[in-house]
Amino acid sequence: STYYADSVKGRFTISRNNAKNTVYLQMNSLKPEDTAVYYCAARRTFPV
């Protein structure tokens, strides 16, 4: 299951490799408004 903010739908893709303990964010068609500090975060619960 994946979920995206409307502002990045169709441009960004999130994925993970549990064998490598790594999550990725592929960002394409970047815009100046994408400029920011990007943080990853972990939660124990499954959101809806």
All heavy atoms as atom14 arrays in JSON, in Angstrom:
{
  "sequence": "STYYADSVKGRFTISRNNAKNTVYLQMNSLKPEDTAVYYCAARRTFPV",
  "atom14_mask": [
    [1, 1, 1, 1, 1, 1, 0, 0, 0, 0, 0, 0, 0, 0],
    [1, 1, 1, 1, 1, 1, 1, 0, 0, 0, 0, 0, 0, 0],
    [1, 1, 1, 1, 1, 1, 1, 1, 1, 1, 1, 1, 0, 0],
    [1, 1, 1, 1, 1, 1, 1, 1, 1, 1, 1, 1, 0, 0],
    [1, 1, 1, 1, 1, 0, 0, 0, 0, 0, 0, 0, 0, 0],
    [1, 1, 1, 1, 1, 1, 1, 1, 0, 0, 0, 0, 0, 0],
    [1, 1, 1, 1, 1, 1, 0, 0, 0, 0, 0, 0, 0, 0],
    [1, 1, 1, 1, 1, 1, 1, 0, 0, 0, 0, 0, 0, 0],
    [1, 1, 1, 1, 1, 1, 1, 1, 1, 0, 0, 0, 0, 0],
    [1, 1, 1, 1, 0, 0, 0, 0, 0, 0, 0, 0, 0, 0],
    [1, 1, 1, 1, 1, 1, 1, 1, 1, 1, 1, 0, 0, 0],
    [1, 1, 1, 1, 1, 1, 1, 1, 1, 1, 1, 0, 0, 0],
    [1, 1, 1, 1, 1, 1, 1, 0, 0, 0, 0, 0, 0, 0],
    [1, 1, 1, 1, 1, 1, 1, 1, 0, 0, 0, 0, 0, 0],
    [1, 1, 1, 1, 1, 1, 0, 0, 0, 0, 0, 0, 0, 0],
    [1, 1, 1, 1, 1, 1, 1, 1, 1, 1, 1, 0, 0, 0],
    [1, 1, 1, 1, 1, 1, 1, 1, 0, 0, 0, 0, 0, 0],
    [1, 1, 1, 1, 1, 1, 1, 1, 0, 0, 0, 0, 0, 0],
    [1, 1, 1, 1, 1, 0, 0, 0, 0, 0, 0, 0, 0, 0],
    [1, 1, 1, 1, 1, 1, 1, 1, 1, 0, 0, 0, 0, 0],
    [1, 1, 1, 1, 1, 1, 1, 1, 0, 0, 0, 0, 0, 0],
    [1, 1, 1, 1, 1, 1, 1, 0, 0, 0, 0, 0, 0, 0],
    [1, 1, 1, 1, 1, 1, 1, 0, 0, 0, 0, 0, 0, 0],
    [1, 1, 1, 1, 1, 1, 1, 1, 1, 1, 1, 1, 0, 0],
    [1, 1, 1, 1, 1, 1, 1, 1, 0, 0, 0, 0, 0, 0],
    [1, 1, 1, 1, 1, 1, 1, 1, 1, 0, 0, 0, 0, 0],
    [1, 1, 1, 1, 1, 1, 1, 1, 0, 0, 0, 0, 0, 0],
    [1, 1, 1, 1, 1, 1, 1, 1, 0, 0, 0, 0, 0, 0],
    [1, 1, 1, 1, 1, 1, 0, 0, 0, 0, 0, 0, 0, 0],
    [1, 1, 1, 1, 1, 1, 1, 1, 0, 0, 0, 0, 0, 0],
    [1, 1, 1, 1, 1, 1, 1, 1, 1, 0, 0, 0, 0, 0],
    [1, 1, 1, 1, 1, 1, 1, 0, 0, 0, 0, 0, 0, 0],
    [1, 1, 1, 1, 1, 1, 1, 1, 1, 0, 0, 0, 0, 0],
    [1, 1, 1, 1, 1, 1, 1, 1, 0, 0, 0, 0, 0, 0],
    [1, 1, 1, 1, 1, 1, 1, 0, 0, 0, 0, 0, 0, 0],
    [1, 1, 1, 1, 1, 0, 0, 0, 0, 0, 0, 0, 0, 0],
    [1, 1, 1, 1, 1, 1, 1, 0, 0, 0, 0, 0, 0, 0],
    [1, 1, 1, 1, 1, 1, 1, 1, 1, 1, 1, 1, 0, 0],
    [1, 1, 1, 1, 1, 1, 1, 1, 1, 1, 1, 1, 0, 0],
    [1, 1, 1, 1, 1, 1, 0, 0, 0, 0, 0, 0, 0, 0],
    [1, 1, 1, 1, 1, 0, 0, 0, 0, 0, 0, 0, 0, 0],
    [1, 1, 1, 1, 1, 0, 0, 0, 0, 0, 0, 0, 0, 0],
    [1, 1, 1, 1, 1, 1, 1, 1, 1, 1, 1, 0, 0, 0],
    [1, 1, 1, 1, 1, 1, 1, 1, 1, 1, 1, 0, 0, 0],
    [1, 1, 1, 1, 1, 1, 1, 0, 0, 0, 0, 0, 0, 0],
    [1, 1, 1, 1, 1, 1, 1, 1, 1, 1, 1, 0, 0, 0],
    [1, 1, 1, 1, 1, 1, 1, 0, 0, 0, 0, 0, 0, 0],
    [1, 1, 1, 1, 1, 1, 1, 0, 0, 0, 0, 0, 0, 0]
  ],
  "atom14_positions": [
    [[0.85, -1.19, 0.0], [0.0, 0.0, 0.0], [0.88, 1.24, 0.0], [1.84, 1.33, 0.77], [-0.91, 0.02, 1.24], [-1.82, -1.05, 1.21], [0.0, 0.0, 0.0], [0.0, 0.0, 0.0], [0.0, 0.0, 0.0], [0.0, 0.0, 0.0], [0.0, 0.0, 0.0], [0.0, 0.0, 0.0], [0.0, 0.0, 0.0], [0.0, 0.0, 0.0]],
    [[0.53, 2.18, -0.86], [1.22, 3.46, -0.91], [0.21, 4.59, -0.91], [-0.97, 4.39, -1.27], [2.11, 3.58, -2.15], [1.31, 3.4, -3.32], [3.23, 2.55, -2.14], [0.0, 0.0, 0.0], [0.0, 0.0, 0.0], [0.0, 0.0, 0.0], [0.0, 0.0, 0.0], [0.0, 0.0, 0.0], [0.0, 0.0, 0.0], [0.0, 0.0, 0.0]],
    [[0.67, 5.75, -0.53], [-0.21, 6.92, -0.45], [0.63, 8.15, -0.75], [1.77, 8.25, -0.29], [-0.82, 7.01, 0.95], [-1.99, 7.94, 1.07], [-3.27, 7.51, 0.76], [-1.83, 9.25, 1.5], [-4.36, 8.36, 0.88], [-2.9, 10.1, 1.64], [-4.17, 9.65, 1.33], [-5.24, 10.49, 1.45], [0.0, 0.0, 0.0], [0.0, 0.0, 0.0]],
    [[0.05, 9.07, -1.53], [0.8, 10.25, -1.96], [0.01, 11.52, -1.72], [-1.23, 11.55, -1.83], [1.13, 10.16, -3.45], [2.03, 9.01, -3.81], [1.51, 7.78, -4.19], [3.42, 9.16, -3.78], [2.34, 6.72, -4.52], [4.26, 8.11, -4.11], [3.71, 6.89, -4.48], [4.53, 5.85, -4.79], [0.0, 0.0, 0.0], [0.0, 0.0, 0.0]],
    [[0.73, 12.58, -1.45], [0.12, 13.9, -1.45], [-0.26, 14.24, -2.88], [0.42, 13.84, -3.83], [1.11, 14.93, -0.9], [0.0, 0.0, 0.0], [0.0, 0.0, 0.0], [0.0, 0.0, 0.0], [0.0, 0.0, 0.0], [0.0, 0.0, 0.0], [0.0, 0.0, 0.0], [0.0, 0.0, 0.0], [0.0, 0.0, 0.0], [0.0, 0.0, 0.0]],
    [[-1.33, 14.99, -3.05], [-1.8, 15.35, -4.39], [-0.72, 16.08, -5.18], [-0.63, 15.93, -6.39], [-3.05, 16.22, -4.29], [-4.27, 15.42, -3.86], [-4.24, 14.19, -3.95], [-5.25, 16.05, -3.42], [0.0, 0.0, 0.0], [0.0, 0.0, 0.0], [0.0, 0.0, 0.0], [0.0, 0.0, 0.0], [0.0, 0.0, 0.0], [0.0, 0.0, 0.0]],
    [[0.1, 16.85, -4.49], [1.1, 17.68, -5.16], [2.2, 16.86, -5.83], [2.92, 17.39, -6.67], [1.72, 18.66, -4.16], [2.31, 17.96, -3.09], [0.0, 0.0, 0.0], [0.0, 0.0, 0.0], [0.0, 0.0, 0.0], [0.0, 0.0, 0.0], [0.0, 0.0, 0.0], [0.0, 0.0, 0.0], [0.0, 0.0, 0.0], [0.0, 0.0, 0.0]],
    [[2.35, 15.6, -5.45], [3.43, 14.8, -6.02], [2.93, 13.57, -6.79], [3.74, 12.83, -7.37], [4.43, 14.34, -4.93], [4.94, 15.55, -4.14], [3.8, 13.31, -3.99], [0.0, 0.0, 0.0], [0.0, 0.0, 0.0], [0.0, 0.0, 0.0], [0.0, 0.0, 0.0], [0.0, 0.0, 0.0], [0.0, 0.0, 0.0], [0.0, 0.0, 0.0]],
    [[1.65, 13.34, -6.8], [1.1, 12.18, -7.51], [1.51, 12.2, -8.96], [1.43, 13.23, -9.63], [-0.43, 12.16, -7.4], [-0.96, 11.59, -6.12], [-2.48, 11.59, -6.12], [-3.02, 11.09, -4.8], [-4.5, 11.16, -4.74], [0.0, 0.0, 0.0], [0.0, 0.0, 0.0], [0.0, 0.0, 0.0], [0.0, 0.0, 0.0], [0.0, 0.0, 0.0]],
    [[1.95, 11.04, -9.44], [2.36, 10.93, -10.84], [3.79, 11.35, -11.09], [4.32, 11.11, -12.18], [0.0, 0.0, 0.0], [0.0, 0.0, 0.0], [0.0, 0.0, 0.0], [0.0, 0.0, 0.0], [0.0, 0.0, 0.0], [0.0, 0.0, 0.0], [0.0, 0.0, 0.0], [0.0, 0.0, 0.0], [0.0, 0.0, 0.0], [0.0, 0.0, 0.0]],
    [[4.43, 11.98, -10.1], [5.82, 12.42, -10.26], [6.77, 11.69, -9.31], [7.9, 11.41, -9.65], [5.94, 13.91, -10.0], [5.11, 14.77, -10.94], [5.44, 16.26, -10.8], [5.13, 16.75, -9.45], [6.04, 17.34, -8.66], [7.29, 17.48, -9.06], [5.69, 17.77, -7.45], [0.0, 0.0, 0.0], [0.0, 0.0, 0.0], [0.0, 0.0, 0.0]],
    [[6.29, 11.4, -8.11], [7.12, 10.74, -7.09], [6.65, 9.31, -6.91], [5.46, 9.0, -7.02], [7.01, 11.46, -5.76], [7.65, 12.82, -5.7], [8.1, 13.48, -6.84], [7.8, 13.47, -4.49], [8.67, 14.73, -6.79], [8.37, 14.73, -4.4], [8.81, 15.36, -5.57], [0.0, 0.0, 0.0], [0.0, 0.0, 0.0], [0.0, 0.0, 0.0]],
    [[7.61, 8.43, -6.58], [7.3, 7.03, -6.29], [8.06, 6.6, -5.04], [9.28, 6.74, -4.98], [7.69, 6.11, -7.45], [7.01, 6.53, -8.65], [7.31, 4.67, -7.15], [0.0, 0.0, 0.0], [0.0, 0.0, 0.0], [0.0, 0.0, 0.0], [0.0, 0.0, 0.0], [0.0, 0.0, 0.0], [0.0, 0.0, 0.0], [0.0, 0.0, 0.0]],
    [[7.32, 6.06, -4.09], [7.94, 5.54, -2.87], [8.04, 4.03, -2.99], [7.15, 3.37, -3.54], [7.14, 5.96, -1.61], [7.89, 5.57, -0.34], [5.73, 5.36, -1.62], [7.28, 6.15, 0.94], [0.0, 0.0, 0.0], [0.0, 0.0, 0.0], [0.0, 0.0, 0.0], [0.0, 0.0, 0.0], [0.0, 0.0, 0.0], [0.0, 0.0, 0.0]],
    [[9.13, 3.49, -2.49], [9.33, 2.04, -2.5], [10.2, 1.67, -1.3], [10.76, 2.54, -0.64], [9.98, 1.58, -3.81], [11.25, 2.17, -3.96], [0.0, 0.0, 0.0], [0.0, 0.0, 0.0], [0.0, 0.0, 0.0], [0.0, 0.0, 0.0], [0.0, 0.0, 0.0], [0.0, 0.0, 0.0], [0.0, 0.0, 0.0], [0.0, 0.0, 0.0]],
    [[10.29, 0.37, -1.05], [11.14, -0.06, 0.06], [11.74, -1.42, -0.25], [11.15, -2.23, -0.99], [10.34, -0.11, 1.37], [9.26, -1.15, 1.46], [8.38, -0.94, 2.69], [9.11, -1.19, 3.94], [8.66, -0.82, 5.14], [7.5, -0.18, 5.25], [9.36, -1.1, 6.23], [0.0, 0.0, 0.0], [0.0, 0.0, 0.0], [0.0, 0.0, 0.0]],
    [[12.89, -1.66, 0.33], [13.56, -2.95, 0.23], [13.83, -3.4, 1.66], [14.78, -2.92, 2.3], [14.87, -2.81, -0.55], [15.56, -4.14, -0.77], [15.46, -5.04, 0.05], [16.25, -4.25, -1.89], [0.0, 0.0, 0.0], [0.0, 0.0, 0.0], [0.0, 0.0, 0.0], [0.0, 0.0, 0.0], [0.0, 0.0, 0.0], [0.0, 0.0, 0.0]],
    [[13.0, -4.28, 2.17], [13.12, -4.68, 3.57], [14.39, -5.48, 3.82], [14.91, -5.49, 4.95], [11.89, -5.46, 4.01], [10.67, -4.58, 4.16], [10.79, -3.36, 4.38], [9.49, -5.14, 4.01], [0.0, 0.0, 0.0], [0.0, 0.0, 0.0], [0.0, 0.0, 0.0], [0.0, 0.0, 0.0], [0.0, 0.0, 0.0], [0.0, 0.0, 0.0]],
    [[14.9, -6.16, 2.81], [16.15, -6.91, 2.97], [17.32, -5.96, 3.21], [18.3, -6.34, 3.85], [16.4, -7.76, 1.74], [0.0, 0.0, 0.0], [0.0, 0.0, 0.0], [0.0, 0.0, 0.0], [0.0, 0.0, 0.0], [0.0, 0.0, 0.0], [0.0, 0.0, 0.0], [0.0, 0.0, 0.0], [0.0, 0.0, 0.0], [0.0, 0.0, 0.0]],
    [[17.19, -4.74, 2.69], [18.24, -3.74, 2.86], [17.89, -2.69, 3.9], [18.64, -1.71, 4.08], [18.54, -3.06, 1.53], [19.13, -3.99, 0.48], [19.5, -3.22, -0.78], [20.17, -4.14, -1.8], [20.56, -3.4, -3.03], [0.0, 0.0, 0.0], [0.0, 0.0, 0.0], [0.0, 0.0, 0.0], [0.0, 0.0, 0.0], [0.0, 0.0, 0.0]],
    [[16.74, -2.85, 4.55], [16.31, -1.86, 5.54], [16.31, -0.45, 4.97], [16.77, 0.5, 5.63], [17.18, -1.92, 6.8], [16.78, -3.03, 7.75], [15.99, -3.91, 7.4], [17.32, -3.0, 8.96], [0.0, 0.0, 0.0], [0.0, 0.0, 0.0], [0.0, 0.0, 0.0], [0.0, 0.0, 0.0], [0.0, 0.0, 0.0], [0.0, 0.0, 0.0]],
    [[15.81, -0.29, 3.78], [15.89, 1.0, 3.1], [14.56, 1.34, 2.44], [13.91, 0.46, 1.85], [17.01, 1.0, 2.06], [18.25, 0.68, 2.68], [17.14, 2.37, 1.4], [0.0, 0.0, 0.0], [0.0, 0.0, 0.0], [0.0, 0.0, 0.0], [0.0, 0.0, 0.0], [0.0, 0.0, 0.0], [0.0, 0.0, 0.0], [0.0, 0.0, 0.0]],
    [[14.19, 2.59, 2.53], [13.03, 3.11, 1.8], [13.53, 4.2, 0.85], [14.48, 4.92, 1.16], [11.95, 3.63, 2.77], [12.47, 4.8, 3.6], [10.7, 4.03, 2.04], [0.0, 0.0, 0.0], [0.0, 0.0, 0.0], [0.0, 0.0, 0.0], [0.0, 0.0, 0.0], [0.0, 0.0, 0.0], [0.0, 0.0, 0.0], [0.0, 0.0, 0.0]],
    [[12.89, 4.29, -0.3], [13.33, 5.2, -1.35], [12.22, 6.16, -1.73], [11.03, 5.87, -1.58], [13.74, 4.4, -2.6], [14.8, 3.36, -2.35], [14.42, 2.03, -2.15], [16.15, 3.68, -2.31], [15.37, 1.05, -1.91], [17.1, 2.71, -2.08], [16.72, 1.4, -1.88], [17.66, 0.43, -1.65], [0.0, 0.0, 0.0], [0.0, 0.0, 0.0]],
    [[12.62, 7.28, -2.27], [11.68, 8.21, -2.87], [12.26, 8.66, -4.21], [13.22, 9.43, -4.25], [11.42, 9.42, -1.98], [10.34, 10.37, -2.49], [8.97, 9.69, -2.44], [10.31, 11.67, -1.68], [0.0, 0.0, 0.0], [0.0, 0.0, 0.0], [0.0, 0.0, 0.0], [0.0, 0.0, 0.0], [0.0, 0.0, 0.0], [0.0, 0.0, 0.0]],
    [[11.7, 8.13, -5.28], [12.1, 8.53, -6.63], [11.31, 9.77, -7.01], [10.08, 9.74, -7.02], [11.84, 7.4, -7.63], [12.18, 7.76, -9.06], [13.67, 7.98, -9.28], [14.5, 7.21, -8.79], [14.02, 9.02, -10.03], [0.0, 0.0, 0.0], [0.0, 0.0, 0.0], [0.0, 0.0, 0.0], [0.0, 0.0, 0.0], [0.0, 0.0, 0.0]],
    [[12.01, 10.83, -7.32], [11.36, 12.11, -7.63], [11.69, 12.5, -9.06], [12.86, 12.72, -9.39], [11.83, 13.19, -6.66], [11.65, 12.82, -5.19], [12.06, 14.17, -4.06], [13.81, 14.33, -4.37], [0.0, 0.0, 0.0], [0.0, 0.0, 0.0], [0.0, 0.0, 0.0], [0.0, 0.0, 0.0], [0.0, 0.0, 0.0], [0.0, 0.0, 0.0]],
    [[10.67, 12.57, -9.89], [10.82, 12.94, -11.29], [10.08, 14.24, -11.57], [9.22, 14.67, -10.78], [10.27, 11.84, -12.19], [11.01, 10.52, -12.03], [12.21, 10.48, -11.75], [10.29, 9.42, -12.23], [0.0, 0.0, 0.0], [0.0, 0.0, 0.0], [0.0, 0.0, 0.0], [0.0, 0.0, 0.0], [0.0, 0.0, 0.0], [0.0, 0.0, 0.0]],
    [[10.39, 14.84, -12.69], [9.75, 16.09, -13.11], [9.73, 17.1, -11.97], [8.7, 17.71, -11.65], [8.31, 15.81, -13.58], [8.29, 14.88, -14.64], [0.0, 0.0, 0.0], [0.0, 0.0, 0.0], [0.0, 0.0, 0.0], [0.0, 0.0, 0.0], [0.0, 0.0, 0.0], [0.0, 0.0, 0.0], [0.0, 0.0, 0.0], [0.0, 0.0, 0.0]],
    [[10.86, 17.29, -11.37], [10.95, 18.16, -10.2], [10.65, 19.61, -10.56], [10.97, 20.09, -11.66], [12.32, 18.05, -9.56], [12.51, 16.78, -8.71], [13.98, 16.48, -8.47], [11.77, 16.93, -7.38], [0.0, 0.0, 0.0], [0.0, 0.0, 0.0], [0.0, 0.0, 0.0], [0.0, 0.0, 0.0], [0.0, 0.0, 0.0], [0.0, 0.0, 0.0]],
    [[10.03, 20.3, -9.61], [9.64, 21.69, -9.77], [10.32, 22.52, -8.68], [10.65, 22.0, -7.61], [8.13, 21.84, -9.63], [7.32, 20.96, -10.57], [5.83, 21.09, -10.27], [5.01, 20.2, -11.18], [3.55, 20.29, -10.88], [0.0, 0.0, 0.0], [0.0, 0.0, 0.0], [0.0, 0.0, 0.0], [0.0, 0.0, 0.0], [0.0, 0.0, 0.0]],
    [[10.5, 23.8, -8.91], [11.09, 24.65, -7.86], [10.33, 24.56, -6.54], [10.95, 24.64, -5.46], [11.02, 26.05, -8.46], [11.11, 25.82, -9.93], [10.34, 24.54, -10.16], [0.0, 0.0, 0.0], [0.0, 0.0, 0.0], [0.0, 0.0, 0.0], [0.0, 0.0, 0.0], [0.0, 0.0, 0.0], [0.0, 0.0, 0.0], [0.0, 0.0, 0.0]],
    [[9.03, 24.37, -6.6], [8.24, 24.28, -5.36], [8.47, 22.98, -4.6], [7.96, 22.81, -3.49], [6.74, 24.46, -5.64], [6.2, 23.59, -6.74], [6.15, 24.32, -8.09], [7.12, 25.02, -8.43], [5.12, 24.15, -8.79], [0.0, 0.0, 0.0], [0.0, 0.0, 0.0], [0.0, 0.0, 0.0], [0.0, 0.0, 0.0], [0.0, 0.0, 0.0]],
    [[9.24, 22.06, -5.17], [9.62, 20.84, -4.44], [10.83, 21.09, -3.54], [11.22, 20.2, -2.77], [9.94, 19.71, -5.42], [8.74, 19.24, -6.21], [7.65, 19.12, -5.61], [8.89, 19.01, -7.43], [0.0, 0.0, 0.0], [0.0, 0.0, 0.0], [0.0, 0.0, 0.0], [0.0, 0.0, 0.0], [0.0, 0.0, 0.0], [0.0, 0.0, 0.0]],
    [[11.42, 22.25, -3.64], [12.57, 22.58, -2.81], [12.21, 22.54, -1.33], [11.26, 23.19, -0.89], [13.12, 23.97, -3.16], [13.62, 23.94, -4.5], [14.23, 24.39, -2.21], [0.0, 0.0, 0.0], [0.0, 0.0, 0.0], [0.0, 0.0, 0.0], [0.0, 0.0, 0.0], [0.0, 0.0, 0.0], [0.0, 0.0, 0.0], [0.0, 0.0, 0.0]],
    [[12.95, 21.75, -0.57], [12.66, 21.57, 0.85], [13.69, 20.63, 1.46], [14.48, 20.01, 0.74], [11.26, 20.97, 1.05], [0.0, 0.0, 0.0], [0.0, 0.0, 0.0], [0.0, 0.0, 0.0], [0.0, 0.0, 0.0], [0.0, 0.0, 0.0], [0.0, 0.0, 0.0], [0.0, 0.0, 0.0], [0.0, 0.0, 0.0], [0.0, 0.0, 0.0]],
    [[13.66, 20.53, 2.77], [14.37, 19.47, 3.46], [13.41, 18.28, 3.54], [12.27, 18.42, 3.97], [14.81, 19.89, 4.88], [15.48, 18.71, 5.59], [15.75, 21.08, 4.8], [0.0, 0.0, 0.0], [0.0, 0.0, 0.0], [0.0, 0.0, 0.0], [0.0, 0.0, 0.0], [0.0, 0.0, 0.0], [0.0, 0.0, 0.0], [0.0, 0.0, 0.0]],
    [[13.89, 17.12, 3.1], [13.06, 15.93, 3.06], [13.45, 15.0, 4.22], [14.64, 14.73, 4.44], [13.24, 15.21, 1.73], [12.48, 15.87, 0.61], [12.89, 17.1, 0.1], [11.34, 15.28, 0.08], [12.18, 17.73, -0.91], [10.63, 15.9, -0.95], [11.05, 17.12, -1.43], [10.35, 17.74, -2.43], [0.0, 0.0, 0.0], [0.0, 0.0, 0.0]],
    [[12.44, 14.53, 4.92], [12.63, 13.67, 6.08], [11.91, 12.33, 5.86], [10.8, 12.3, 5.35], [12.03, 14.3, 7.33], [12.61, 15.64, 7.72], [12.08, 16.82, 7.22], [13.68, 15.72, 8.61], [12.59, 18.05, 7.58], [14.2, 16.94, 8.98], [13.66, 18.1, 8.45], [14.18, 19.32, 8.82], [0.0, 0.0, 0.0], [0.0, 0.0, 0.0]],
    [[12.56, 11.26, 6.29], [11.82, 10.0, 6.35], [11.44, 9.74, 7.8], [12.08, 10.26, 8.74], [12.61, 8.84, 5.77], [14.02, 8.31, 6.72], [0.0, 0.0, 0.0], [0.0, 0.0, 0.0], [0.0, 0.0, 0.0], [0.0, 0.0, 0.0], [0.0, 0.0, 0.0], [0.0, 0.0, 0.0], [0.0, 0.0, 0.0], [0.0, 0.0, 0.0]],
    [[10.4, 8.98, 7.97], [9.86, 8.73, 9.3], [9.2, 7.36, 9.35], [8.78, 6.83, 8.32], [8.84, 9.82, 9.66], [0.0, 0.0, 0.0], [0.0, 0.0, 0.0], [0.0, 0.0, 0.0], [0.0, 0.0, 0.0], [0.0, 0.0, 0.0], [0.0, 0.0, 0.0], [0.0, 0.0, 0.0], [0.0, 0.0, 0.0], [0.0, 0.0, 0.0]],
    [[9.1, 6.82, 10.56], [8.54, 5.49, 10.75], [7.41, 5.52, 11.77], [7.5, 6.23, 12.78], [9.64, 4.52, 11.22], [0.0, 0.0, 0.0], [0.0, 0.0, 0.0], [0.0, 0.0, 0.0], [0.0, 0.0, 0.0], [0.0, 0.0, 0.0], [0.0, 0.0, 0.0], [0.0, 0.0, 0.0], [0.0, 0.0, 0.0], [0.0, 0.0, 0.0]],
    [[6.37, 4.74, 11.52], [5.26, 4.64, 12.45], [4.88, 3.18, 12.63], [5.05, 2.37, 11.71], [4.05, 5.45, 11.98], [3.46, 5.03, 10.66], [2.34, 5.95, 10.24], [1.12, 5.77, 11.01], [0.07, 6.59, 10.94], [0.11, 7.64, 10.14], [-1.0, 6.35, 11.67], [0.0, 0.0, 0.0], [0.0, 0.0, 0.0], [0.0, 0.0, 0.0]],
    [[4.34, 2.86, 13.78], [3.98, 1.47, 14.08], [2.6, 1.11, 13.58], [2.3, -0.06, 13.36], [4.06, 1.24, 15.6], [5.44, 1.41, 16.19], [5.47, 1.02, 17.66], [6.8, 1.2, 18.24], [7.17, 2.27, 18.91], [6.32, 3.27, 19.08], [8.38, 2.35, 19.42], [0.0, 0.0, 0.0], [0.0, 0.0, 0.0], [0.0, 0.0, 0.0]],
    [[1.75, 2.11, 13.41], [0.36, 1.84, 13.04], [0.17, 1.97, 11.54], [0.89, 2.68, 10.85], [-0.58, 2.82, 13.75], [-0.17, 4.16, 13.46], [-0.53, 2.6, 15.26], [0.0, 0.0, 0.0], [0.0, 0.0, 0.0], [0.0, 0.0, 0.0], [0.0, 0.0, 0.0], [0.0, 0.0, 0.0], [0.0, 0.0, 0.0], [0.0, 0.0, 0.0]],
    [[-0.85, 1.29, 11.02], [-1.17, 1.38, 9.59], [-2.26, 2.44, 9.4], [-3.35, 2.3, 9.93], [-1.65, 0.04, 9.05], [-1.95, 0.09, 7.58], [-0.93, 0.15, 6.66], [-3.26, 0.11, 7.12], [-1.19, 0.22, 5.3], [-3.54, 0.17, 5.77], [-2.5, 0.22, 4.84], [0.0, 0.0, 0.0], [0.0, 0.0, 0.0], [0.0, 0.0, 0.0]],
    [[-1.95, 3.47, 8.64], [-2.91, 4.57, 8.48], [-3.93, 4.32, 7.38], [-3.74, 3.47, 6.51], [-2.01, 5.74, 8.1], [-0.88, 5.11, 7.37], [-0.69, 3.75, 7.97], [0.0, 0.0, 0.0], [0.0, 0.0, 0.0], [0.0, 0.0, 0.0], [0.0, 0.0, 0.0], [0.0, 0.0, 0.0], [0.0, 0.0, 0.0], [0.0, 0.0, 0.0]],
    [[-5.01, 5.07, 7.47], [-6.06, 5.02, 6.45], [-6.33, 6.44, 5.99], [-6.5, 7.35, 6.8], [-7.35, 4.4, 7.0], [-8.45, 4.45, 5.93], [-7.11, 2.97, 7.45], [0.0, 0.0, 0.0], [0.0, 0.0, 0.0], [0.0, 0.0, 0.0], [0.0, 0.0, 0.0], [0.0, 0.0, 0.0], [0.0, 0.0, 0.0], [0.0, 0.0, 0.0]]
  ]
}
